[in-house]
Amino acid sequence: MQLIPSYIVDRLPLPVSQSSCTMPHRILPIPADSHPPKKKLKYQQPVKIKNNRHQAVAGKYGKENPAVEGSDITPLFGVISDSDSDKGAGSKQFQLEISNAASTSTTHSLDGLQLRRVKDMYFHPQISQKSTDQALEKALSTCRKNQSALKGILSFLDPSSTSYTTNQSSIFERFLFGSTPHVNSFASTTFSFPDIKDTQFLHIRGSPPPSPLSSYESLSIITSICLFSADVVSSLSSKLIELYTRHPYSDSLHLNHPLTFNEIDSLSRLSNTIADIICSISSSPRPSSPLNINIILDIPQIQYYLSGPTSHFHIPTISKTWLSLIDSRRASIERIFKRCIIREIHRRVPTEKLKLFGISYEITNTSSLNPLLPLLKSQINDFPYISIHPCIDTLKYADKSWKLFLESLPLPGLQPPDTLEELVFISYVYEILLPFLRTLDAEGTIDDMENTLILQIDNIVESKPYLKAKKFLEVYNKKLGIKKASLIGIYPSERIFYSKEGNYRSSLHKYDPGLDLSLDSQKVKPCEVLQKVYGVESMAAVKEAATGEGLV
């Protein structure tokens, strides 16, 4: 049995799942008599780990730091926080702390649960325990409701209940939604397959449909990944203008960036979640027709045209370079994401076995806004103030589903778009609804309509389109007089939290910790940090695919 070093999050012990020693993605608890000391991984622009006493623990099991060789243990969380020893501009440091301790003592207040320096983020190991602290008990009540919703959804997907075990721990974040306090909770569950165990922290929206999964012939899973990070988009935009200033007569400029911390994290985390859900479905034999699963990658494109240096798009070199950068990035992320999903599914259940269980899947890319590309590029000088009416007419003419969707507006909480930005936003809602819109467009009676089941598996920040899509379906189900479409949201929590000086809610997209890392004075890449949470093989899949795209 092997052990990798453990890194403590503010002395807050976290649970881990058990498995045998054949797969590096697996997680094992630390023995009760071997609690490791607090260790720090300094993350730079650089990061550094102090590994001084873990050898005594590792020696008990045979090898020191076997993570590189295929470790049995992967810590569940990481926290990146600003270093107390930060000195001078350009030398800013971060601190990454990880924990995989097996148990914790009862804590009675939010103060005792908050992850150090991570604003409004908390962990609780036993949400079933009542608390005398009023604020904490209110949060725990939300956690219990989410756990109950998770159990209902997992039971619907796998009636045999053989592929998962729900745990008693949750992480949750508290924030103001307008002026109203709100809690997002993520319940812990462990998915178990013949060669792998994977622990996820999931937030659930929606409830199981009235009909069993066996009554469905198809299932749509829609997911997305933001390109780059907010900081990198801003940096690349400024860099492009600077490049043009230095080379004003160049026809094209080269602009690129390796995968960001946010992109790598999302690729691994969402691929693992999608694979866990699909393979858990295969645990229950289908009595009749097979289930066809369509995994839809909704990677943004025009959204990032609008995020560039639009005030300089009248300069052909700048607009050409920026649009080329976004088009290339989107295509690369689609290919990497697809390879990661296939790899993670195969690690759990080989494709041949899925087919034997009556499950088949395909991975497709969204293209609903593609009809706008020629129009937008021909009017690039007017960005972003392009008239919305030609855009709407173009989409209606290109696809009857767009016509049906746009002519159904307004609906509660969903208004017709007045600007290109608004049209781009409701395209997220449209992509979620598209499987249902296509059934509405099909010929036949209501009884002939196929029941539609849609899962959104995404980062929780993308749950706003889910809420609007749900409103749309409620209206249409009421019009039809029968529930013909069901929508479920499954949102895996980030497992690396960035405190951003403790003043902002953690977001790897909004607040980018950067790429310049060091470990014991040796430079390391984000994959080497993230593999401590997601496992060596999961990160290897991302790294291999990204290398093929030249993004490492």
Protein backbone atom coordinates (compact mmCIF):
# COMPACT_ATOMS: atom_id res chain seq x y z
CA MET A 1 0.00 0.00 0.00
CA GLN A 2 1.34 3.43 -0.92
CA LEU A 3 0.78 6.90 0.37
CA ILE A 4 1.37 10.38 -0.97
CA PRO A 5 2.01 13.33 1.34
CA SER A 6 -0.99 15.03 2.91
CA TYR A 7 -1.45 18.77 3.08
CA ILE A 8 -3.79 20.21 5.68
CA VAL A 9 -6.44 22.87 5.00
CA ASP A 10 -6.45 24.96 8.17
CA ARG A 11 -6.34 21.82 10.28
CA LEU A 12 -9.76 20.99 8.79
CA PRO A 13 -9.81 17.21 8.26
CA LEU A 14 -11.65 16.00 5.20
CA PRO A 15 -13.05 12.54 4.33
CA VAL A 16 -11.69 10.29 1.63
CA SER A 17 -13.01 7.17 -0.06
CA GLN A 18 -11.51 3.72 -0.01
CA SER A 19 -10.36 1.43 -2.78
CA SER A 20 -7.73 -1.11 -3.67
CA CYS A 21 -4.33 -0.18 -5.04
CA THR A 22 -4.71 -0.74 -8.77
CA MET A 23 -5.69 2.75 -9.95
CA PRO A 24 -3.90 6.03 -9.17
CA HIS A 25 -7.20 7.95 -9.21
CA ARG A 26 -8.36 6.14 -6.09
CA ILE A 27 -8.56 7.52 -2.60
CA LEU A 28 -7.67 5.89 0.70
CA PRO A 29 -7.94 7.17 4.29
CA ILE A 30 -4.95 7.92 6.46
CA PRO A 31 -4.68 5.61 9.49
CA ALA A 32 -6.04 7.16 12.66
CA ASP A 33 -2.65 6.96 14.34
CA SER A 34 -0.79 8.67 11.52
CA HIS A 35 -2.13 12.20 11.20
CA PRO A 36 0.41 14.21 9.20
CA PRO A 37 1.70 17.65 10.15
CA LYS A 38 0.53 20.78 8.43
CA LYS A 39 2.29 21.21 5.10
CA LYS A 40 2.21 24.10 2.67
CA LEU A 41 2.44 24.10 -1.09
CA LYS A 42 3.57 27.57 -2.05
CA TYR A 43 2.11 28.47 -5.38
CA GLN A 44 3.93 31.17 -7.24
CA GLN A 45 4.00 32.84 -9.51
CA PRO A 46 5.58 30.46 -7.46
CA VAL A 47 4.39 27.59 -5.26
CA LYS A 48 6.35 25.51 -2.83
CA ILE A 49 5.71 22.36 -0.79
CA LYS A 50 7.51 21.60 2.42
CA ASN A 51 7.91 17.83 2.55
CA ASN A 52 9.80 17.14 5.73
CA ARG A 53 7.87 14.66 7.83
CA HIS A 54 5.66 12.75 5.41
CA GLN A 55 8.41 10.18 4.90
CA ALA A 56 7.68 8.70 8.31
CA VAL A 57 4.07 8.13 7.27
CA ALA A 58 4.96 6.94 3.78
CA GLY A 59 7.62 4.63 5.13
CA LYS A 60 5.01 2.73 7.05
CA TYR A 61 3.51 1.75 3.70
CA GLY A 62 6.64 1.31 1.66
CA LYS A 63 7.31 4.30 -0.60
CA GLU A 64 7.72 8.02 -0.36
CA ASN A 65 5.53 10.27 -2.53
CA PRO A 66 4.35 7.63 -5.00
CA ALA A 67 1.94 10.04 -6.68
CA VAL A 68 4.12 10.12 -9.75
CA GLU A 69 4.21 6.33 -9.90
CA GLY A 70 0.48 5.68 -9.45
CA SER A 71 -0.59 6.55 -5.94
CA ASP A 72 -3.56 5.11 -4.06
CA ILE A 73 -4.44 8.40 -2.42
CA THR A 74 -5.62 11.66 -3.92
CA PRO A 75 -6.47 14.57 -1.58
CA LEU A 76 -9.96 15.98 -1.99
CA PHE A 77 -9.38 19.73 -1.77
CA GLY A 78 -6.83 22.40 -2.46
CA VAL A 79 -6.79 26.03 -1.34
CA ILE A 80 -4.70 28.67 -3.03
CA SER A 81 -4.25 31.70 -0.82
CA ASP A 82 -2.06 34.77 -0.85
CA SER A 83 1.17 34.27 1.03
CA ASP A 84 1.81 36.20 4.23
CA SER A 85 5.38 36.64 3.04
CA ASP A 86 4.47 38.46 -0.16
CA LYS A 87 7.16 41.00 -0.87
CA GLY A 88 7.38 43.36 -3.78
CA ALA A 89 5.72 43.60 -7.14
CA GLY A 90 6.30 40.68 -9.45
CA SER A 91 7.12 38.29 -6.60
CA LYS A 92 3.58 37.59 -5.44
CA GLN A 93 3.21 34.14 -3.94
CA PHE A 94 0.27 31.86 -3.26
CA GLN A 95 -0.14 29.02 -0.84
CA LEU A 96 -1.84 25.75 -1.71
CA GLU A 97 -2.97 23.56 1.15
CA ILE A 98 -4.53 20.12 0.72
CA SER A 99 -6.01 17.65 3.16
CA ASN A 100 -6.90 13.96 3.07
CA ALA A 101 -7.36 13.28 6.77
CA ALA A 102 -10.03 10.70 7.51
CA SER A 103 -12.12 12.18 10.30
CA THR A 104 -12.90 15.34 12.18
CA SER A 105 -14.30 16.43 15.50
CA THR A 106 -17.71 18.06 15.73
CA THR A 107 -17.70 21.79 14.98
CA HIS A 108 -20.55 24.02 16.09
CA SER A 109 -20.10 27.33 14.28
CA LEU A 110 -19.51 28.68 10.81
CA ASP A 111 -16.26 30.25 11.99
CA GLY A 112 -14.89 26.80 12.69
CA LEU A 113 -15.93 25.48 9.28
CA GLN A 114 -14.76 28.18 6.90
CA LEU A 115 -11.79 27.38 4.71
CA ARG A 116 -9.06 29.80 5.72
CA ARG A 117 -8.89 32.88 3.51
CA VAL A 118 -11.51 31.53 1.10
CA LYS A 119 -14.45 33.91 1.32
CA ASP A 120 -17.75 32.28 2.33
CA MET A 121 -16.63 28.69 1.54
CA TYR A 122 -17.25 26.03 4.21
CA PHE A 123 -16.88 22.30 4.75
CA HIS A 124 -18.89 20.11 7.13
CA PRO A 125 -18.19 16.37 7.62
CA GLN A 126 -21.54 15.35 9.19
CA ILE A 127 -24.46 17.35 7.83
CA SER A 128 -26.98 15.06 9.54
CA GLN A 129 -25.87 16.43 12.92
CA LYS A 130 -28.06 19.25 14.18
CA SER A 131 -26.31 22.44 15.24
CA THR A 132 -27.24 24.90 17.95
CA ASP A 133 -25.70 27.69 15.87
CA GLN A 134 -28.67 29.22 14.02
CA ALA A 135 -26.74 30.37 10.93
CA LEU A 136 -24.94 27.04 10.63
CA GLU A 137 -28.14 25.01 11.08
CA LYS A 138 -29.82 27.03 8.31
CA ALA A 139 -26.90 26.21 5.99
CA LEU A 140 -26.91 22.54 7.02
CA SER A 141 -30.63 22.35 6.30
CA THR A 142 -29.89 23.46 2.73
CA CYS A 143 -27.12 20.85 2.55
CA ARG A 144 -29.56 18.11 3.63
CA LYS A 145 -32.10 19.15 1.01
CA ASN A 146 -29.42 19.03 -1.68
CA GLN A 147 -28.26 15.64 -0.45
CA SER A 148 -31.84 14.35 -0.63
CA ALA A 149 -32.19 15.73 -4.17
CA LEU A 150 -28.90 14.06 -5.14
CA LYS A 151 -30.10 10.70 -3.79
CA GLY A 152 -33.32 11.03 -5.80
CA ILE A 153 -31.50 11.80 -9.05
CA LEU A 154 -28.90 9.06 -8.59
CA SER A 155 -31.63 6.54 -7.75
CA PHE A 156 -33.43 7.54 -10.95
CA LEU A 157 -30.27 7.14 -13.04
CA ASP A 158 -29.19 3.89 -11.33
CA PRO A 159 -32.21 2.15 -9.74
CA SER A 160 -29.93 -0.69 -8.59
CA SER A 161 -27.95 1.81 -6.45
CA THR A 162 -24.81 -0.25 -7.07
CA SER A 163 -22.61 2.47 -8.58
CA TYR A 164 -22.69 5.13 -5.88
CA THR A 165 -22.62 5.81 -2.15
CA THR A 166 -23.80 9.13 -0.75
CA ASN A 167 -21.67 10.43 2.09
CA GLN A 168 -22.42 12.67 5.07
CA SER A 169 -20.06 15.50 4.12
CA SER A 170 -20.80 18.64 2.13
CA ILE A 171 -19.13 21.82 1.14
CA PHE A 172 -21.21 24.97 0.84
CA GLU A 173 -20.83 28.63 -0.02
CA ARG A 174 -22.82 31.49 1.46
CA PHE A 175 -23.45 34.70 -0.48
CA LEU A 176 -25.98 37.43 -1.08
CA PHE A 177 -28.33 37.06 -4.04
CA GLY A 178 -29.41 40.67 -4.29
CA SER A 179 -30.08 41.41 -0.63
CA THR A 180 -31.11 37.84 0.24
CA PRO A 181 -28.65 35.43 1.90
CA HIS A 182 -28.24 32.30 -0.18
CA VAL A 183 -26.43 28.95 0.15
CA ASN A 184 -25.09 26.70 -2.60
CA SER A 185 -24.31 23.26 -1.22
CA PHE A 186 -22.43 20.35 -2.78
CA ALA A 187 -23.07 16.87 -1.38
CA SER A 188 -20.34 14.25 -1.33
CA THR A 189 -20.90 10.99 -3.17
CA THR A 190 -18.52 8.24 -4.21
CA PHE A 191 -18.97 6.51 -7.56
CA SER A 192 -17.64 2.94 -7.66
CA PHE A 193 -16.76 0.97 -10.77
CA PRO A 194 -14.69 -2.20 -11.26
CA ASP A 195 -11.36 -0.38 -11.53
CA ILE A 196 -11.95 3.05 -10.05
CA LYS A 197 -13.62 5.00 -7.25
CA ASP A 198 -14.26 8.68 -7.66
CA THR A 199 -15.55 11.14 -5.05
CA GLN A 200 -17.60 14.08 -6.28
CA PHE A 201 -19.24 17.04 -4.53
CA LEU A 202 -22.45 17.74 -6.45
CA HIS A 203 -25.15 20.40 -6.43
CA ILE A 204 -28.52 19.34 -7.87
CA ARG A 205 -31.27 21.32 -9.57
CA GLY A 206 -34.55 19.68 -10.54
CA SER A 207 -36.19 16.40 -9.60
CA PRO A 208 -36.55 12.93 -11.16
CA PRO A 209 -39.10 12.69 -14.02
CA PRO A 210 -42.33 10.76 -13.39
CA SER A 211 -41.33 8.03 -15.89
CA PRO A 212 -38.41 5.66 -15.17
CA LEU A 213 -35.19 6.04 -17.14
CA SER A 214 -35.92 2.74 -18.89
CA SER A 215 -38.84 4.44 -20.70
CA TYR A 216 -36.50 6.88 -22.48
CA GLU A 217 -34.83 6.10 -25.78
CA SER A 218 -32.40 9.01 -25.61
CA LEU A 219 -30.72 11.32 -23.13
CA SER A 220 -29.01 14.65 -23.84
CA ILE A 221 -26.14 15.87 -21.66
CA ILE A 222 -25.06 19.46 -22.26
CA THR A 223 -21.87 20.90 -20.84
CA SER A 224 -19.55 23.84 -21.43
CA ILE A 225 -16.19 25.34 -20.52
CA CYS A 226 -15.26 29.01 -20.46
CA LEU A 227 -12.25 29.83 -22.60
CA PHE A 228 -9.06 31.07 -20.93
CA SER A 229 -9.89 33.05 -17.77
CA ALA A 230 -11.10 36.60 -17.27
CA ASP A 231 -7.59 37.80 -16.41
CA VAL A 232 -6.03 36.09 -19.42
CA VAL A 233 -8.67 37.44 -21.84
CA SER A 234 -7.96 40.95 -20.58
CA SER A 235 -4.20 40.37 -20.78
CA LEU A 236 -4.35 38.96 -24.32
CA SER A 237 -6.53 41.84 -25.45
CA SER A 238 -3.98 44.38 -24.18
CA LYS A 239 -1.09 42.35 -25.58
CA LEU A 240 -2.65 42.32 -29.05
CA ILE A 241 -2.90 46.11 -29.08
CA GLU A 242 0.72 46.37 -27.93
CA LEU A 243 1.85 43.95 -30.65
CA TYR A 244 0.07 45.97 -33.28
CA THR A 245 1.65 49.18 -31.97
CA ARG A 246 5.10 47.61 -32.44
CA HIS A 247 4.24 46.00 -35.80
CA PRO A 248 1.63 48.27 -37.44
CA TYR A 249 2.28 46.99 -40.96
CA SER A 250 1.98 43.29 -40.18
CA ASP A 251 -0.90 41.47 -41.88
CA SER A 252 -1.26 39.04 -38.96
CA LEU A 253 0.05 38.75 -35.41
CA HIS A 254 0.72 35.60 -33.41
CA LEU A 255 -1.18 35.32 -30.14
CA ASN A 256 -1.60 32.22 -27.99
CA HIS A 257 -1.67 31.05 -24.37
CA PRO A 258 -1.23 27.65 -22.68
CA LEU A 259 -4.26 26.08 -21.02
CA THR A 260 -5.16 28.13 -17.97
CA PHE A 261 -5.63 26.71 -14.49
CA ASN A 262 -9.38 27.18 -14.95
CA GLU A 263 -9.48 25.31 -18.27
CA ILE A 264 -7.46 22.36 -16.97
CA ASP A 265 -9.57 22.13 -13.81
CA SER A 266 -12.85 22.24 -15.76
CA LEU A 267 -11.69 19.72 -18.37
CA SER A 268 -10.82 17.16 -15.72
CA ARG A 269 -13.64 17.82 -13.26
CA LEU A 270 -16.46 17.89 -15.82
CA SER A 271 -15.06 14.91 -17.77
CA ASN A 272 -14.98 12.86 -14.57
CA THR A 273 -18.53 13.88 -13.63
CA ILE A 274 -19.94 13.12 -17.08
CA ALA A 275 -18.19 9.73 -17.06
CA ASP A 276 -19.48 8.94 -13.54
CA ILE A 277 -23.08 9.72 -14.56
CA ILE A 278 -22.98 7.78 -17.84
CA CYS A 279 -21.32 4.73 -16.31
CA SER A 280 -23.67 4.73 -13.31
CA ILE A 281 -26.59 4.54 -15.78
CA SER A 282 -25.04 1.38 -17.21
CA SER A 283 -25.19 -0.29 -13.78
CA SER A 284 -28.89 -1.06 -14.23
CA PRO A 285 -29.69 -3.35 -17.22
CA ARG A 286 -32.19 -1.93 -19.72
CA PRO A 287 -35.15 -4.26 -20.18
CA SER A 288 -36.04 -3.14 -23.71
CA SER A 289 -34.64 -0.56 -26.13
CA PRO A 290 -31.09 0.79 -25.82
CA LEU A 291 -30.39 4.28 -24.50
CA ASN A 292 -28.65 6.70 -26.86
CA ILE A 293 -26.75 9.45 -25.01
CA ASN A 294 -25.80 12.63 -26.85
CA ILE A 295 -23.08 14.61 -25.04
CA ILE A 296 -23.25 18.19 -26.33
CA LEU A 297 -20.21 20.46 -25.93
CA ASP A 298 -21.39 24.08 -25.89
CA ILE A 299 -18.04 25.86 -26.08
CA PRO A 300 -18.48 29.64 -26.48
CA GLN A 301 -17.19 31.53 -29.51
CA ILE A 302 -19.05 34.74 -30.39
CA GLN A 303 -19.19 35.45 -26.66
CA TYR A 304 -15.41 35.83 -26.73
CA TYR A 305 -15.42 37.92 -29.88
CA LEU A 306 -17.28 40.44 -27.70
CA SER A 307 -14.67 40.12 -24.93
CA GLY A 308 -11.79 41.24 -27.12
CA PRO A 309 -10.46 44.71 -28.04
CA THR A 310 -13.67 45.58 -29.93
CA SER A 311 -12.84 49.30 -29.92
CA HIS A 312 -9.91 48.42 -32.22
CA PHE A 313 -11.77 45.99 -34.50
CA HIS A 314 -11.82 48.62 -37.24
CA ILE A 315 -8.14 47.73 -37.65
CA PRO A 316 -8.19 44.57 -39.83
CA THR A 317 -5.03 43.07 -38.34
CA ILE A 318 -6.41 43.29 -34.80
CA SER A 319 -9.89 41.94 -35.60
CA LYS A 320 -8.47 39.15 -37.78
CA THR A 321 -5.97 38.08 -35.12
CA TRP A 322 -8.52 38.12 -32.28
CA LEU A 323 -11.20 36.19 -34.14
CA SER A 324 -8.60 33.65 -35.29
CA LEU A 325 -7.41 33.23 -31.69
CA ILE A 326 -10.94 32.56 -30.42
CA ASP A 327 -11.85 30.21 -33.30
CA SER A 328 -8.66 28.22 -32.77
CA ARG A 329 -9.07 28.06 -28.99
CA ARG A 330 -12.66 26.89 -29.22
CA ALA A 331 -11.77 24.13 -31.67
CA SER A 332 -8.86 22.99 -29.49
CA ILE A 333 -10.97 22.89 -26.31
CA GLU A 334 -13.65 20.89 -28.13
CA ARG A 335 -11.10 18.29 -29.23
CA ILE A 336 -9.41 18.10 -25.82
CA PHE A 337 -12.72 17.88 -23.97
CA LYS A 338 -13.95 15.12 -26.26
CA ARG A 339 -10.78 13.06 -25.75
CA CYS A 340 -10.93 13.52 -21.96
CA ILE A 341 -14.57 12.40 -21.76
CA ILE A 342 -13.92 9.32 -23.87
CA ARG A 343 -10.85 8.46 -21.78
CA GLU A 344 -12.69 8.84 -18.47
CA ILE A 345 -15.67 6.75 -19.63
CA HIS A 346 -13.34 4.00 -20.84
CA ARG A 347 -11.46 3.98 -17.53
CA ARG A 348 -14.71 3.13 -15.78
CA VAL A 349 -16.56 0.94 -18.28
CA PRO A 350 -15.10 0.02 -21.70
CA THR A 351 -17.25 0.95 -24.70
CA GLU A 352 -17.86 -2.71 -25.58
CA LYS A 353 -19.36 -3.32 -22.14
CA LEU A 354 -21.51 -0.18 -22.35
CA LYS A 355 -23.02 -1.52 -25.56
CA LEU A 356 -23.72 -4.85 -23.87
CA PHE A 357 -25.55 -2.91 -21.15
CA GLY A 358 -27.67 -1.15 -23.80
CA ILE A 359 -25.83 2.19 -23.66
CA SER A 360 -24.33 4.06 -26.60
CA TYR A 361 -23.05 7.63 -26.72
CA GLU A 362 -21.78 10.24 -29.12
CA ILE A 363 -20.15 13.62 -28.53
CA THR A 364 -21.21 16.59 -30.65
CA ASN A 365 -20.40 20.30 -30.73
CA THR A 366 -23.00 23.05 -30.77
CA SER A 367 -23.29 25.06 -33.97
CA SER A 368 -26.51 27.02 -33.46
CA LEU A 369 -24.83 30.43 -33.75
CA ASN A 370 -22.71 29.46 -36.76
CA PRO A 371 -25.17 31.03 -39.26
CA LEU A 372 -24.24 34.41 -37.74
CA LEU A 373 -20.50 34.12 -38.38
CA PRO A 374 -20.46 35.43 -41.99
CA LEU A 375 -22.75 38.31 -41.00
CA LEU A 376 -20.67 39.30 -37.98
CA LYS A 377 -17.36 39.09 -39.82
CA SER A 378 -18.71 41.24 -42.64
CA GLN A 379 -19.71 43.91 -40.11
CA ILE A 380 -16.72 43.57 -37.81
CA ASN A 381 -16.01 47.30 -37.96
CA ASP A 382 -19.30 47.94 -36.15
CA PHE A 383 -18.55 45.59 -33.25
CA PRO A 384 -20.16 45.33 -30.77
CA TYR A 385 -22.95 47.67 -31.98
CA ILE A 386 -24.30 45.40 -34.69
CA SER A 387 -28.04 45.57 -35.35
CA ILE A 388 -29.85 42.69 -33.68
CA HIS A 389 -32.64 42.39 -36.27
CA PRO A 390 -30.55 40.91 -39.12
CA CYS A 391 -29.07 38.46 -36.60
CA ILE A 392 -32.50 37.26 -35.47
CA ASP A 393 -33.76 37.00 -39.05
CA THR A 394 -30.67 34.99 -40.02
CA LEU A 395 -31.18 32.49 -37.20
CA LYS A 396 -34.92 32.10 -37.87
CA TYR A 397 -34.25 31.42 -41.53
CA ALA A 398 -31.41 28.97 -40.81
CA ASP A 399 -33.20 26.73 -38.30
CA LYS A 400 -36.91 26.20 -37.54
CA SER A 401 -36.00 25.49 -33.90
CA TRP A 402 -34.60 29.03 -33.57
CA LYS A 403 -37.82 30.37 -35.11
CA LEU A 404 -39.94 28.39 -32.66
CA PHE A 405 -37.82 29.48 -29.69
CA LEU A 406 -37.60 33.19 -30.52
CA GLU A 407 -41.30 33.46 -31.44
CA SER A 408 -42.20 31.87 -28.08
CA LEU A 409 -40.75 34.89 -26.28
CA PRO A 410 -41.44 36.73 -24.07
CA LEU A 411 -41.87 34.27 -21.25
CA PRO A 412 -41.50 34.81 -17.49
CA GLY A 413 -37.85 35.70 -16.90
CA LEU A 414 -36.96 35.33 -20.57
CA GLN A 415 -37.32 38.35 -22.83
CA PRO A 416 -36.57 38.73 -26.56
CA PRO A 417 -32.99 39.93 -27.10
CA ASP A 418 -32.41 43.62 -27.88
CA THR A 419 -28.64 43.44 -28.33
CA LEU A 420 -26.06 41.01 -29.67
CA GLU A 421 -24.88 40.38 -26.10
CA GLU A 422 -28.41 39.42 -25.05
CA LEU A 423 -28.79 37.15 -28.07
CA VAL A 424 -25.53 35.44 -27.22
CA PHE A 425 -26.70 34.88 -23.64
CA ILE A 426 -30.05 33.35 -24.57
CA SER A 427 -28.20 31.04 -26.95
CA TYR A 428 -27.07 29.18 -23.80
CA VAL A 429 -30.73 28.71 -22.91
CA TYR A 430 -31.52 27.69 -26.49
CA GLU A 431 -28.79 25.02 -26.55
CA ILE A 432 -30.18 23.45 -23.36
CA LEU A 433 -33.67 23.39 -24.87
CA LEU A 434 -32.70 22.30 -28.39
CA PRO A 435 -33.35 18.54 -27.89
CA PHE A 436 -36.92 19.42 -26.80
CA LEU A 437 -37.42 22.05 -29.52
CA ARG A 438 -36.60 19.44 -32.14
CA THR A 439 -39.29 17.11 -30.81
CA LEU A 440 -41.81 19.99 -30.99
CA ASP A 441 -40.86 20.51 -34.61
CA ALA A 442 -41.41 16.85 -35.49
CA GLU A 443 -44.60 15.77 -37.22
CA GLY A 444 -47.30 13.87 -35.40
CA THR A 445 -49.57 14.24 -32.39
CA ILE A 446 -48.61 15.00 -28.80
CA ASP A 447 -48.84 11.29 -28.05
CA ASP A 448 -46.28 10.64 -30.79
CA MET A 449 -43.78 13.04 -29.22
CA GLU A 450 -40.77 11.37 -27.66
CA ASN A 451 -40.19 12.13 -23.99
CA THR A 452 -37.15 14.39 -23.68
CA LEU A 453 -34.63 14.11 -20.86
CA ILE A 454 -31.88 16.72 -20.60
CA LEU A 455 -29.02 16.87 -18.08
CA GLN A 456 -26.93 19.99 -17.72
CA ILE A 457 -23.58 18.96 -16.21
CA ASP A 458 -21.61 22.14 -15.76
CA ASN A 459 -20.03 24.65 -13.43
CA ILE A 460 -22.62 26.11 -11.09
CA VAL A 461 -22.14 29.60 -12.53
CA GLU A 462 -23.87 28.22 -15.64
CA SER A 463 -27.04 27.38 -13.70
CA LYS A 464 -28.65 30.72 -14.65
CA PRO A 465 -29.43 29.48 -18.21
CA TYR A 466 -30.78 26.31 -16.56
CA LEU A 467 -33.30 28.33 -14.55
CA LYS A 468 -34.52 30.15 -17.67
CA ALA A 469 -34.72 26.91 -19.66
CA LYS A 470 -36.72 25.35 -16.84
CA LYS A 471 -39.24 28.23 -17.01
CA PHE A 472 -39.59 27.65 -20.76
CA LEU A 473 -40.26 23.93 -20.25
CA GLU A 474 -42.81 24.60 -17.51
CA VAL A 475 -44.77 26.83 -19.88
CA TYR A 476 -44.64 24.32 -22.73
CA ASN A 477 -45.46 21.29 -20.59
CA LYS A 478 -48.51 23.22 -19.38
CA LYS A 479 -49.50 24.05 -22.99
CA LEU A 480 -49.15 20.41 -23.99
CA GLY A 481 -51.15 19.27 -20.97
CA ILE A 482 -48.56 16.61 -20.21
CA LYS A 483 -44.94 16.62 -19.07
CA LYS A 484 -42.99 15.72 -22.19
CA ALA A 485 -39.65 17.23 -21.20
CA SER A 486 -37.56 17.04 -18.02
CA LEU A 487 -34.45 19.04 -17.16
CA ILE A 488 -31.96 18.21 -14.41
CA GLY A 489 -28.91 20.23 -13.39
CA ILE A 490 -25.81 18.52 -11.97
CA TYR A 491 -23.01 20.85 -10.89
CA PRO A 492 -19.71 19.49 -9.52
CA SER A 493 -17.93 21.84 -7.16
CA GLU A 494 -14.48 23.16 -7.87
CA ARG A 495 -11.96 21.28 -5.79
CA ILE A 496 -9.22 23.90 -5.91
CA PHE A 497 -10.33 27.13 -4.27
CA TYR A 498 -8.58 30.45 -4.79
CA SER A 499 -9.01 32.93 -1.98
CA LYS A 500 -7.90 36.05 -3.90
CA GLU A 501 -6.68 37.73 -0.72
CA GLY A 502 -9.72 36.42 1.15
CA ASN A 503 -11.87 39.27 -0.15
CA TYR A 504 -13.64 37.61 -3.07
CA ARG A 505 -15.63 34.44 -3.67
CA SER A 506 -13.47 31.73 -5.17
CA SER A 507 -13.56 31.52 -8.96
CA LEU A 508 -10.77 30.05 -11.04
CA HIS A 509 -12.23 31.73 -14.12
CA LYS A 510 -12.72 35.19 -12.67
CA TYR A 511 -9.54 35.19 -10.55
CA ASP A 512 -6.71 33.35 -12.29
CA PRO A 513 -3.88 32.12 -10.02
CA GLY A 514 -1.52 31.94 -13.01
CA LEU A 515 0.82 29.31 -14.43
CA ASP A 516 4.25 30.11 -13.00
CA LEU A 517 4.54 27.51 -10.22
CA SER A 518 7.39 26.01 -8.27
CA LEU A 519 7.59 22.99 -5.99
CA ASP A 520 10.55 22.83 -3.61
CA SER A 521 12.29 25.43 -5.79
CA GLN A 522 11.52 23.36 -8.90
CA LYS A 523 9.09 24.69 -11.47
CA VAL A 524 5.89 22.65 -11.81
CA LYS A 525 2.87 22.92 -14.07
CA PRO A 526 -0.80 23.28 -13.05
CA CYS A 527 -1.35 19.62 -13.99
CA GLU A 528 1.11 18.60 -11.28
CA VAL A 529 -0.87 20.58 -8.71
CA LEU A 530 -4.30 19.43 -9.93
CA GLN A 531 -3.34 15.76 -10.13
CA LYS A 532 -3.15 15.78 -6.34
CA VAL A 533 -6.91 16.32 -6.39
CA TYR A 534 -8.09 14.60 -9.57
CA GLY A 535 -5.47 11.86 -9.84
CA VAL A 536 -2.49 11.14 -12.03
CA GLU A 537 -4.34 9.38 -14.85
CA SER A 538 -7.04 12.03 -15.13
CA MET A 539 -4.42 14.76 -15.48
CA ALA A 540 -2.43 12.60 -17.91
CA ALA A 541 -5.46 12.52 -20.22
CA VAL A 542 -5.74 16.32 -20.18
CA LYS A 543 -2.00 16.82 -20.63
CA GLU A 544 -1.75 14.35 -23.52
CA ALA A 545 -4.66 15.95 -25.39
CA ALA A 546 -3.41 19.49 -24.70
CA THR A 547 0.09 18.59 -25.90
CA GLY A 548 -1.39 17.48 -29.20
CA GLU A 549 -2.96 20.94 -29.51
CA GLY A 550 0.25 22.76 -28.57
CA LEU A 551 -1.36 24.23 -25.44
CA VAL A 552 0.98 22.90 -22.73
